[in-house]
C-alpha atoms as a PDB file:
ATOM      1  CA  UNK A   1      18.496 -42.906  -2.817  1.00  0.00           C
ATOM      2  CA  UNK A   2      19.801 -39.565  -1.447  1.00  0.00           C
ATOM      3  CA  UNK A   3      19.966 -39.149   2.374  1.00  0.00           C
ATOM      4  CA  UNK A   4      20.738 -35.866   4.351  1.00  0.00           C
ATOM      5  CA  UNK A   5      23.193 -35.896   7.235  1.00  0.00           C
ATOM      6  CA  UNK A   6      20.556 -36.649   9.928  1.00  0.00           C
ATOM      7  CA  UNK A   7      20.302 -40.143   9.175  1.00  0.00           C
ATOM      8  CA  UNK A   8      16.391 -39.933   8.861  1.00  0.00           C
ATOM      9  CA  UNK A   9      15.987 -41.244   5.589  1.00  0.00           C
ATOM     10  CA  UNK A  10      15.126 -38.133   4.127  1.00  0.00           C
ATOM     11  CA  UNK A  11      15.347 -37.970   0.332  1.00  0.00           C
ATOM     12  CA  UNK A  12      15.149 -34.141  -0.753  1.00  0.00           C
ATOM     13  CA  UNK A  13      13.776 -35.042  -4.124  1.00  0.00           C
ATOM     14  CA  UNK A  14      11.020 -37.220  -2.796  1.00  0.00           C
ATOM     15  CA  UNK A  15       9.794 -36.100   0.103  1.00  0.00           C
ATOM     16  CA  UNK A  16       7.358 -38.409   2.336  1.00  0.00           C
ATOM     17  CA  UNK A  17       3.748 -36.657   3.197  1.00  0.00           C
ATOM     18  CA  UNK A  18       1.234 -37.865   5.887  1.00  0.00           C
ATOM     19  CA  UNK A  19      -0.911 -40.643   4.828  1.00  0.00           C
ATOM     20  CA  UNK A  20      -4.206 -41.135   6.800  1.00  0.00           C
ATOM     21  CA  UNK A  21      -4.421 -44.588   8.479  1.00  0.00           C
ATOM     22  CA  UNK A  22      -6.144 -47.180   6.744  1.00  0.00           C
ATOM     23  CA  UNK A  23      -9.911 -47.629   7.272  1.00  0.00           C
ATOM     24  CA  UNK A  24     -10.228 -44.299   8.700  1.00  0.00           C
ATOM     25  CA  UNK A  25     -13.412 -42.372   7.467  1.00  0.00           C
ATOM     26  CA  UNK A  26     -12.736 -39.628   4.921  1.00  0.00           C
ATOM     27  CA  UNK A  27     -12.332 -36.270   6.599  1.00  0.00           C
ATOM     28  CA  UNK A  28     -14.232 -33.143   5.876  1.00  0.00           C
ATOM     29  CA  UNK A  29     -13.224 -31.866   2.444  1.00  0.00           C
ATOM     30  CA  UNK A  30     -11.642 -28.454   3.738  1.00  0.00           C
ATOM     31  CA  UNK A  31      -9.279 -30.521   5.853  1.00  0.00           C
ATOM     32  CA  UNK A  32      -8.213 -32.425   3.247  1.00  0.00           C
ATOM     33  CA  UNK A  33      -7.839 -29.692   0.707  1.00  0.00           C
ATOM     34  CA  UNK A  34      -5.496 -27.929   3.109  1.00  0.00           C
ATOM     35  CA  UNK A  35      -3.683 -31.167   4.035  1.00  0.00           C
ATOM     36  CA  UNK A  36      -2.654 -31.467   0.076  1.00  0.00           C
ATOM     37  CA  UNK A  37      -2.205 -27.749  -0.126  1.00  0.00           C
ATOM     38  CA  UNK A  38       0.224 -27.295   2.590  1.00  0.00           C
ATOM     39  CA  UNK A  39       2.643 -29.248   0.574  1.00  0.00           C
ATOM     40  CA  UNK A  40       3.216 -26.050  -1.382  1.00  0.00           C
ATOM     41  CA  UNK A  41       5.468 -25.121   1.401  1.00  0.00           C
ATOM     42  CA  UNK A  42       8.111 -27.646   0.839  1.00  0.00           C
ATOM     43  CA  UNK A  43       8.872 -25.898  -2.639  1.00  0.00           C
ATOM     44  CA  UNK A  44       8.437 -22.508  -1.789  1.00  0.00           C
ATOM     45  CA  UNK A  45       8.790 -22.043   1.975  1.00  0.00           C
ATOM     46  CA  UNK A  46       9.498 -18.107   1.757  1.00  0.00           C
ATOM     47  CA  UNK A  47       6.600 -17.649  -0.175  1.00  0.00           C
ATOM     48  CA  UNK A  48       4.060 -19.674   0.982  1.00  0.00           C
ATOM     49  CA  UNK A  49       4.327 -19.619   4.961  1.00  0.00           C
ATOM     50  CA  UNK A  50       7.217 -17.114   5.600  1.00  0.00           C
ATOM     51  CA  UNK A  51       6.543 -17.288   9.296  1.00  0.00           C
ATOM     52  CA  UNK A  52       7.323 -20.845   9.463  1.00  0.00           C
ATOM     53  CA  UNK A  53      10.313 -20.466   7.373  1.00  0.00           C
ATOM     54  CA  UNK A  54      11.713 -17.837   9.531  1.00  0.00           C
ATOM     55  CA  UNK A  55      11.592 -19.586  12.855  1.00  0.00           C
ATOM     56  CA  UNK A  56      15.058 -20.948  12.359  1.00  0.00           C
ATOM     57  CA  UNK A  57      16.150 -17.049  12.658  1.00  0.00           C
ATOM     58  CA  UNK A  58      18.259 -17.131   9.415  1.00  0.00           C
ATOM     59  CA  UNK A  59      17.987 -15.603   5.960  1.00  0.00           C
ATOM     60  CA  UNK A  60      18.334 -19.055   4.390  1.00  0.00           C
ATOM     61  CA  UNK A  61      15.395 -21.153   3.711  1.00  0.00           C
ATOM     62  CA  UNK A  62      14.495 -24.098   6.317  1.00  0.00           C
ATOM     63  CA  UNK A  63      16.107 -27.184   5.463  1.00  0.00           C
ATOM     64  CA  UNK A  64      14.448 -29.506   3.336  1.00  0.00           C
ATOM     65  CA  UNK A  65      14.079 -32.402   6.210  1.00  0.00           C
ATOM     66  CA  UNK A  66      12.731 -29.720   8.404  1.00  0.00           C
ATOM     67  CA  UNK A  67      10.226 -29.022   6.101  1.00  0.00           C
ATOM     68  CA  UNK A  68       9.417 -32.374   5.309  1.00  0.00           C
ATOM     69  CA  UNK A  69       8.872 -33.237   8.928  1.00  0.00           C
ATOM     70  CA  UNK A  70       6.627 -29.838   9.504  1.00  0.00           C
ATOM     71  CA  UNK A  71       4.330 -30.797   6.722  1.00  0.00           C
ATOM     72  CA  UNK A  72       4.009 -34.420   7.613  1.00  0.00           C
ATOM     73  CA  UNK A  73       3.436 -33.487  11.196  1.00  0.00           C
ATOM     74  CA  UNK A  74       0.778 -30.600  10.302  1.00  0.00           C
ATOM     75  CA  UNK A  75      -0.857 -33.022   7.945  1.00  0.00           C
ATOM     76  CA  UNK A  76      -1.546 -35.567  10.778  1.00  0.00           C
ATOM     77  CA  UNK A  77      -2.444 -32.839  12.918  1.00  0.00           C
ATOM     78  CA  UNK A  78      -5.204 -31.429  10.355  1.00  0.00           C
ATOM     79  CA  UNK A  79      -6.592 -34.986  10.168  1.00  0.00           C
ATOM     80  CA  UNK A  80      -7.623 -35.052  13.447  1.00  0.00           C
ATOM     81  CA  UNK A  81      -8.604 -31.551  13.852  1.00  0.00           C
ATOM     82  CA  UNK A  82     -12.385 -30.918  15.086  1.00  0.00           C
ATOM     83  CA  UNK A  83     -13.653 -28.370  13.050  1.00  0.00           C
ATOM     84  CA  UNK A  84     -16.177 -26.720  15.655  1.00  0.00           C
ATOM     85  CA  UNK A  85     -13.100 -25.776  18.076  1.00  0.00           C
ATOM     86  CA  UNK A  86     -10.350 -26.545  15.815  1.00  0.00           C
ATOM     87  CA  UNK A  87      -8.660 -28.606  18.510  1.00  0.00           C
ATOM     88  CA  UNK A  88      -6.823 -31.624  17.621  1.00  0.00           C
ATOM     89  CA  UNK A  89      -8.136 -34.797  19.114  1.00  0.00           C
ATOM     90  CA  UNK A  90     -10.735 -37.146  19.373  1.00  0.00           C
ATOM     91  CA  UNK A  91     -14.335 -35.995  20.853  1.00  0.00           C
ATOM     92  CA  UNK A  92     -15.892 -37.990  23.652  1.00  0.00           C
ATOM     93  CA  UNK A  93     -19.652 -39.234  23.762  1.00  0.00           C
ATOM     94  CA  UNK A  94     -20.090 -37.395  27.096  1.00  0.00           C
ATOM     95  CA  UNK A  95     -19.040 -34.199  25.296  1.00  0.00           C
ATOM     96  CA  UNK A  96     -15.044 -34.045  26.727  1.00  0.00           C
ATOM     97  CA  UNK A  97     -12.292 -33.954  24.600  1.00  0.00           C
ATOM     98  CA  UNK A  98      -9.243 -36.347  24.208  1.00  0.00           C
ATOM     99  CA  UNK A  99      -5.839 -34.807  23.311  1.00  0.00           C
ATOM    100  CA  UNK A 100      -3.412 -36.958  21.350  1.00  0.00           C
ATOM    101  CA  UNK A 101       0.146 -37.507  22.887  1.00  0.00           C
ATOM    102  CA  UNK A 102       3.317 -36.774  21.106  1.00  0.00           C
ATOM    103  CA  UNK A 103       4.027 -40.486  20.856  1.00  0.00           C
ATOM    104  CA  UNK A 104       0.819 -40.957  18.919  1.00  0.00           C
ATOM    105  CA  UNK A 105       1.472 -37.971  16.593  1.00  0.00           C
ATOM    106  CA  UNK A 106       4.939 -38.967  15.802  1.00  0.00           C
ATOM    107  CA  UNK A 107       3.944 -42.516  14.895  1.00  0.00           C
ATOM    108  CA  UNK A 108       1.065 -41.508  12.792  1.00  0.00           C
ATOM    109  CA  UNK A 109       3.037 -38.846  10.977  1.00  0.00           C
ATOM    110  CA  UNK A 110       6.001 -41.389  10.130  1.00  0.00           C
ATOM    111  CA  UNK A 111       8.336 -39.282  12.149  1.00  0.00           C
ATOM    112  CA  UNK A 112      10.856 -40.108  15.136  1.00  0.00           C
ATOM    113  CA  UNK A 113       9.640 -38.488  18.221  1.00  0.00           C
ATOM    114  CA  UNK A 114      12.472 -35.990  18.292  1.00  0.00           C
ATOM    115  CA  UNK A 115      11.893 -34.763  14.778  1.00  0.00           C
ATOM    116  CA  UNK A 116       8.238 -34.602  15.761  1.00  0.00           C
ATOM    117  CA  UNK A 117       9.000 -32.847  18.648  1.00  0.00           C
ATOM    118  CA  UNK A 118      10.783 -30.321  16.650  1.00  0.00           C
ATOM    119  CA  UNK A 119       8.053 -29.801  13.944  1.00  0.00           C
ATOM    120  CA  UNK A 120       5.846 -29.012  16.735  1.00  0.00           C
ATOM    121  CA  UNK A 121       8.273 -26.418  18.239  1.00  0.00           C
ATOM    122  CA  UNK A 122       8.461 -25.019  14.554  1.00  0.00           C
ATOM    123  CA  UNK A 123       4.684 -24.607  14.037  1.00  0.00           C
ATOM    124  CA  UNK A 124       4.131 -23.116  17.372  1.00  0.00           C
ATOM    125  CA  UNK A 125       6.555 -20.730  17.035  1.00  0.00           C
ATOM    126  CA  UNK A 126       5.264 -19.760  13.727  1.00  0.00           C
ATOM    127  CA  UNK A 127       1.611 -19.454  15.288  1.00  0.00           C
ATOM    128  CA  UNK A 128       0.343 -21.996  13.159  1.00  0.00           C
ATOM    129  CA  UNK A 129      -0.912 -24.018  16.168  1.00  0.00           C
ATOM    130  CA  UNK A 130      -1.104 -23.370  19.803  1.00  0.00           C
ATOM    131  CA  UNK A 131      -0.449 -25.971  22.768  1.00  0.00           C
ATOM    132  CA  UNK A 132      -2.237 -26.164  25.852  1.00  0.00           C
ATOM    133  CA  UNK A 133      -0.227 -28.627  28.434  1.00  0.00           C
ATOM    134  CA  UNK A 134      -2.743 -30.406  30.816  1.00  0.00           C
ATOM    135  CA  UNK A 135      -1.726 -31.939  34.127  1.00  0.00           C
ATOM    136  CA  UNK A 136      -3.921 -34.231  36.257  1.00  0.00           C
ATOM    137  CA  UNK A 137      -3.559 -33.972  40.163  1.00  0.00           C
ATOM    138  CA  UNK A 138      -2.876 -37.616  41.659  1.00  0.00           C
ATOM    139  CA  UNK A 139      -2.536 -36.707  45.079  1.00  0.00           C
ATOM    140  CA  UNK A 140      -1.776 -33.679  47.581  1.00  0.00           C
ATOM    141  CA  UNK A 141       1.335 -32.373  45.741  1.00  0.00           C
ATOM    142  CA  UNK A 142       1.974 -34.726  42.741  1.00  0.00           C
ATOM    143  CA  UNK A 143       0.658 -33.976  38.878  1.00  0.00           C
ATOM    144  CA  UNK A 144       0.642 -36.410  36.342  1.00  0.00           C
ATOM    145  CA  UNK A 145       0.863 -34.928  32.684  1.00  0.00           C
ATOM    146  CA  UNK A 146      -1.519 -36.225  30.067  1.00  0.00           C
ATOM    147  CA  UNK A 147      -2.057 -35.230  26.509  1.00  0.00           C
ATOM    148  CA  UNK A 148      -1.684 -31.927  25.769  1.00  0.00           C
ATOM    149  CA  UNK A 149      -4.589 -30.042  23.913  1.00  0.00           C
ATOM    150  CA  UNK A 150      -3.321 -28.444  20.580  1.00  0.00           C
ATOM    151  CA  UNK A 151      -5.557 -25.882  18.447  1.00  0.00           C
ATOM    152  CA  UNK A 152      -4.928 -24.839  14.608  1.00  0.00           C
ATOM    153  CA  UNK A 153      -5.237 -21.257  13.650  1.00  0.00           C
ATOM    154  CA  UNK A 154      -7.932 -20.688  11.498  1.00  0.00           C
ATOM    155  CA  UNK A 155      -5.652 -17.881   9.431  1.00  0.00           C
ATOM    156  CA  UNK A 156      -3.877 -20.940   8.093  1.00  0.00           C
ATOM    157  CA  UNK A 157      -7.002 -21.793   6.162  1.00  0.00           C
ATOM    158  CA  UNK A 158      -7.379 -18.016   5.087  1.00  0.00           C
ATOM    159  CA  UNK A 159      -3.479 -18.306   3.739  1.00  0.00           C
ATOM    160  CA  UNK A 160      -4.599 -20.666   1.345  1.00  0.00           C
ATOM    161  CA  UNK A 161      -7.992 -19.285   0.334  1.00  0.00           C
ATOM    162  CA  UNK A 162     -10.127 -21.382   2.329  1.00  0.00           C
ATOM    163  CA  UNK A 163     -11.249 -19.423   4.996  1.00  0.00           C
ATOM    164  CA  UNK A 164     -15.018 -18.919   3.899  1.00  0.00           C
ATOM    165  CA  UNK A 165     -15.112 -22.719   3.155  1.00  0.00           C
ATOM    166  CA  UNK A 166     -13.964 -23.387   6.681  1.00  0.00           C
ATOM    167  CA  UNK A 167     -16.628 -21.103   8.380  1.00  0.00           C
ATOM    168  CA  UNK A 168     -19.125 -22.743   6.368  1.00  0.00           C
ATOM    169  CA  UNK A 169     -18.136 -26.248   7.434  1.00  0.00           C
ATOM    170  CA  UNK A 170     -17.683 -24.995  11.123  1.00  0.00           C
ATOM    171  CA  UNK A 171     -21.198 -24.149  11.286  1.00  0.00           C
ATOM    172  CA  UNK A 172     -22.446 -27.537   9.606  1.00  0.00           C
ATOM    173  CA  UNK A 173     -20.201 -29.300  12.186  1.00  0.00           C
ATOM    174  CA  UNK A 174     -21.875 -27.472  14.820  1.00  0.00           C
ATOM    175  CA  UNK A 175     -25.388 -28.283  14.120  1.00  0.00           C
ATOM    176  CA  UNK A 176     -24.446 -31.829  13.919  1.00  0.00           C
ATOM    177  CA  UNK A 177     -22.633 -31.774  17.031  1.00  0.00           C
ATOM    178  CA  UNK A 178     -25.451 -30.065  18.778  1.00  0.00           C
ATOM    179  CA  UNK A 179     -27.946 -32.531  17.246  1.00  0.00           C
ATOM    180  CA  UNK A 180     -25.669 -35.411  18.571  1.00  0.00           C
ATOM    181  CA  UNK A 181     -25.165 -33.949  22.101  1.00  0.00           C
ATOM    182  CA  UNK A 182     -29.323 -33.633  22.249  1.00  0.00           C
ATOM    183  CA  UNK A 183     -29.943 -36.957  21.308  1.00  0.00           C
ATOM    184  CA  UNK A 184     -27.331 -37.959  23.770  1.00  0.00           C
ATOM    185  CA  UNK A 185     -29.071 -36.026  26.470  1.00  0.00           C
ATOM    186  CA  UNK A 186     -32.293 -37.393  26.007  1.00  0.00           C
ATOM    187  CA  UNK A 187     -31.045 -40.836  26.077  1.00  0.00           C
ATOM    188  CA  UNK A 188     -29.638 -40.252  29.335  1.00  0.00           C
ATOM    189  CA  UNK A 189     -32.532 -38.595  30.660  1.00  0.00           C
ATOM    190  CA  UNK A 190     -34.970 -41.546  29.402  1.00  0.00           C
ATOM    191  CA  UNK A 191     -32.290 -43.883  31.361  1.00  0.00           C
ATOM    192  CA  UNK A 192     -32.913 -41.893  34.275  1.00  0.00           C
ATOM    193  CA  UNK A 193     -36.841 -41.973  34.580  1.00  0.00           C
ATOM    194  CA  UNK A 194     -36.632 -45.385  34.280  1.00  0.00           C
ATOM    195  CA  UNK A 195     -34.547 -45.926  37.029  1.00  0.00           C
ATOM    196  CA  UNK A 196     -36.807 -43.694  39.103  1.00  0.00           C
ATOM    197  CA  UNK A 197     -39.860 -45.523  38.057  1.00  0.00           C
ATOM    198  CA  UNK A 198     -38.461 -48.842  38.972  1.00  0.00           C
ATOM    199  CA  UNK A 199     -37.815 -47.433  42.524  1.00  0.00           C
ATOM    200  CA  UNK A 200     -41.386 -46.185  43.059  1.00  0.00           C
ATOM    201  CA  UNK A 201     -43.212 -49.135  41.438  1.00  0.00           C
ATOM    202  CA  UNK A 202     -41.981 -52.208  43.007  1.00  0.00           C
ATOM    203  CA  UNK A 203     -42.966 -55.633  41.875  1.00  0.00           C
ATOM    204  CA  UNK A 204     -46.534 -56.293  42.549  1.00  0.00           C
ATOM    205  CA  UNK A 205     -47.072 -59.322  45.306  1.00  0.00           C
ATOM    206  CA  UNK A 206     -49.558 -61.802  44.133  1.00  0.00           C
ATOM    207  CA  UNK A 207     -53.151 -61.759  46.056  1.00  0.00           C
ATOM    208  CA  UNK A 208     -53.346 -63.754  49.211  1.00  0.00           C
ATOM    209  CA  UNK A 209     -55.544 -67.133  48.440  1.00  0.00           C
ATOM    210  CA  UNK A 210     -59.055 -67.381  49.880  1.00  0.00           C
ATOM    211  CA  UNK A 211     -61.541 -70.268  50.076  1.00  0.00           C
ATOM    212  CA  UNK A 212     -60.572 -73.748  49.327  1.00  0.00           C
ATOM    213  CA  UNK A 213     -57.466 -72.898  47.749  1.00  0.00           C
ATOM    214  CA  UNK A 214     -56.379 -71.384  50.983  1.00  0.00           C
ATOM    215  CA  UNK A 215     -57.555 -74.152  53.294  1.00  0.00           C
ATOM    216  CA  UNK A 216     -55.802 -76.646  51.106  1.00  0.00           C
ATOM    217  CA  UNK A 217     -52.419 -74.837  51.192  1.00  0.00           C
ATOM    218  CA  UNK A 218     -53.036 -74.160  54.930  1.00  0.00           C
ATOM    219  CA  UNK A 219     -50.027 -75.889  57.239  1.00  0.00           C
ATOM    220  CA  UNK A 220     -51.788 -78.031  59.997  1.00  0.00           C
ATOM    221  CA  UNK A 221     -49.776 -78.415  63.472  1.00  0.00           C
ATOM    222  CA  UNK A 222     -48.907 -82.099  63.859  1.00  0.00           C
ATOM    223  CA  UNK A 223     -50.896 -82.449  67.552  1.00  0.00           C
ATOM    224  CA  UNK A 224     -54.021 -81.481  65.494  1.00  0.00           C
ATOM    225  CA  UNK A 225     -53.018 -83.836  62.870  1.00  0.00           C
ATOM    226  CA  UNK A 226     -52.697 -86.892  64.835  1.00  0.00           C
ATOM    227  CA  UNK A 227     -55.892 -85.916  67.262  1.00  0.00           C
ATOM    228  CA  UNK A 228     -57.748 -86.044  63.908  1.00  0.00           C
ATOM    229  CA  UNK A 229     -56.635 -89.614  63.291  1.00  0.00           C
ATOM    230  CA  UNK A 230     -57.601 -90.765  66.655  1.00  0.00           C
ATOM    231  CA  UNK A 231     -60.973 -89.176  66.675  1.00  0.00           C
ATOM    232  CA  UNK A 232     -61.603 -90.760  63.334  1.00  0.00           C
ATOM    233  CA  UNK A 233     -60.599 -94.270  64.794  1.00  0.00           C
ATOM    234  CA  UNK A 234     -62.582 -93.951  67.681  1.00  0.00           C
ATOM    235  CA  UNK A 235     -65.382 -96.419  68.095  1.00  0.00           C
ATOM    236  CA  UNK A 236     -64.106 -98.672  65.701  1.00  0.00           C
ATOM    237  CA  UNK A 237     -64.015-102.328  66.354  1.00  0.00           C
ATOM    238  CA  UNK A 238     -61.235-104.795  65.556  1.00  0.00           C
ATOM    239  CA  UNK A 239     -61.447-106.301  62.287  1.00  0.00           C
ATOM    240  CA  UNK A 240     -63.630-109.426  61.906  1.00  0.00           C
END
């Protein structure tokens, strides 16, 4: 097998493409079509995505192993793209959004982390994706970096003639998301009402017993008990 000097296992004649993880549900058709179409860049980089090809600031076309890395990583990014916002990550049930770490993207793309980082740099420089770093404050003066939020440019779809299809799918995805969020909101409101009702309606106490049942369960003081025995024996003679 032919290998390049970067020792990454790249074979120019047989590039390795992104393959979705097993058991993943099918992604929307427009995303799957674009993932397949971006492979055209490997054969004709100067014609298909000239902006990406030019990030190396050279008149020569981008090296084949770098093209392979860009296509593999971009395929992974598109697989995890949320259609409504074109953000890359996993929507959460509460409406928040979880970005993907560089380590995760590299592993799923089948790339080494350094090679994946260079591909992200190229895709960002070409305007194909944007990256928004996020830091979480952990005390008064320290911050912890968490997974960045990446966004795919809608112009990438237009380059491959998929712009109108994208907008149609985005409208449908927004309707699905809105219905899901409304269902989640109503469910949460139902739980709140149940909790409030439980606070205002305590468990009913049993009715006090009356009559014979009350007298039967009434506790008699010890002094009265023995006085009653003496009274019952009073006047009785010795046994014959």
